[in-house]
Amino acid sequence: MEKEEYILGSPFECESGEIIENLKITYHISRHESSSVIWICHALTANSDPSEWWPELVGNGKPIDTGKYTVVCANMLCSPYGSSGPLTGPSYLGFPKITIRDMVKAEILLKRHLGIKSIDILIGGSIGGFQVLEWAIMDPDSIRHAVLIACGARVTPWATAYNEAQRMAIEADPTFFKQKDAGSGKEGLKAARAIALISYRSYKGYNSTQHEDDENALFARKACSYERHQGKKLSDRFDAYSYWYLTHAVDSHNAGRDRGGIQKALNGIRAECTVIGIDTDNLFPTEEQKAMARHIPNAGYRELHSDFGHDGFLLEYEQLIRILEERTFLRPAAHKHAAQNGIQIINH
């Protein structure tokens, strides 16, 4: 996949009414003139190259075949990997707060810029699933099949509480509000990531991988070491300002806002949908996905079994591949539609 940039030549109005000048979207794309289009919406701290973070699914010869399909993934707004956000200006905490709808609005502009008329498969997990859902509502005629993984129709108080705890950890770092450079808030980000990991994993997952090797150990250390390692690992590649903004974006998610409620919004989705839950997901329990599937007119529910909670959508790739093969692009109809669609990709 090739890495490219799109810069909007006019002001971008956010849902809050604030304006972003010179909005930029960094994205990866594999171009194929007469192929199906698969658009991937990435998760919270991922980037626009899905072959890096979903390597079992995306790549040449993989189920989402970059050698066969037009595959697009855009770096969402406020992520630090190239698109507009707190590191691009106005700097740091002067950037507008972004909603999920703002992210999708920007991606729809990118789709039009690329000359893509319709998307055969739109897929995403977690905050990526939020984007898939919003897109299916905001631009209903352009999506044939939407795959929503480990997400819900509205952020719950449970998820927001986790987000606020992470923001409190970041804000407790005295360097964060000084806004001196992209490294400000680094220690707070480490703590925030440690909090987040507990919500991403499960009781069984932690107990099976982080138990003490010495059954007579005086103090438990292995889980502590793991938490610190993961905190440092994220802080080495991410920044506290982007993370802070993205948690607020998660808290904006409400598919029913100004649409007459969630049920009415879901009832209006025209795309065929596959809604996937994870049986040990503590952050977005399966009751949320089942509720979405009940209210979306043409939806099917499937479930992943995992010992590793919310992160199962990144880890249980064999189960996920089987669901995708059953429900989506490996069906002959997908190839037939692509030929009829007359998709043209415009190089800029």
Foldseek 3Di string as FASTA:
>chain_A
DDKDKDWDCDWQAAPVRDTDHRWMKIKDKQDDQQAAEEEEEEDQQDARDVCVQQVQAEYPPHVNHSVGHIYMYIGFDLFPPITHHQVPPPHFPVDDQHALLSRLVVVVVVCVVFQFQAHQEYEYEESRLLNLLLNLLPVVVRYAEYERELYFQAADPLLLVLLVVLVVLLVVQVQRVVRPHQLGSLRSQLVSQLSVQPQAFFPQVCCVPQADPDPPDPDRPRNVVVSNVRSNVSSVPGGDRSSNSSSVNNNNRHQCVVPPHRLNSLLPRDHQYEFEYECRRNRRHVVRSVVSQVRRPRYDYDYHYDNTHNCCVSVVVVVVSVVCCVPGDVDPVSSVVSNVSSRGTDDD
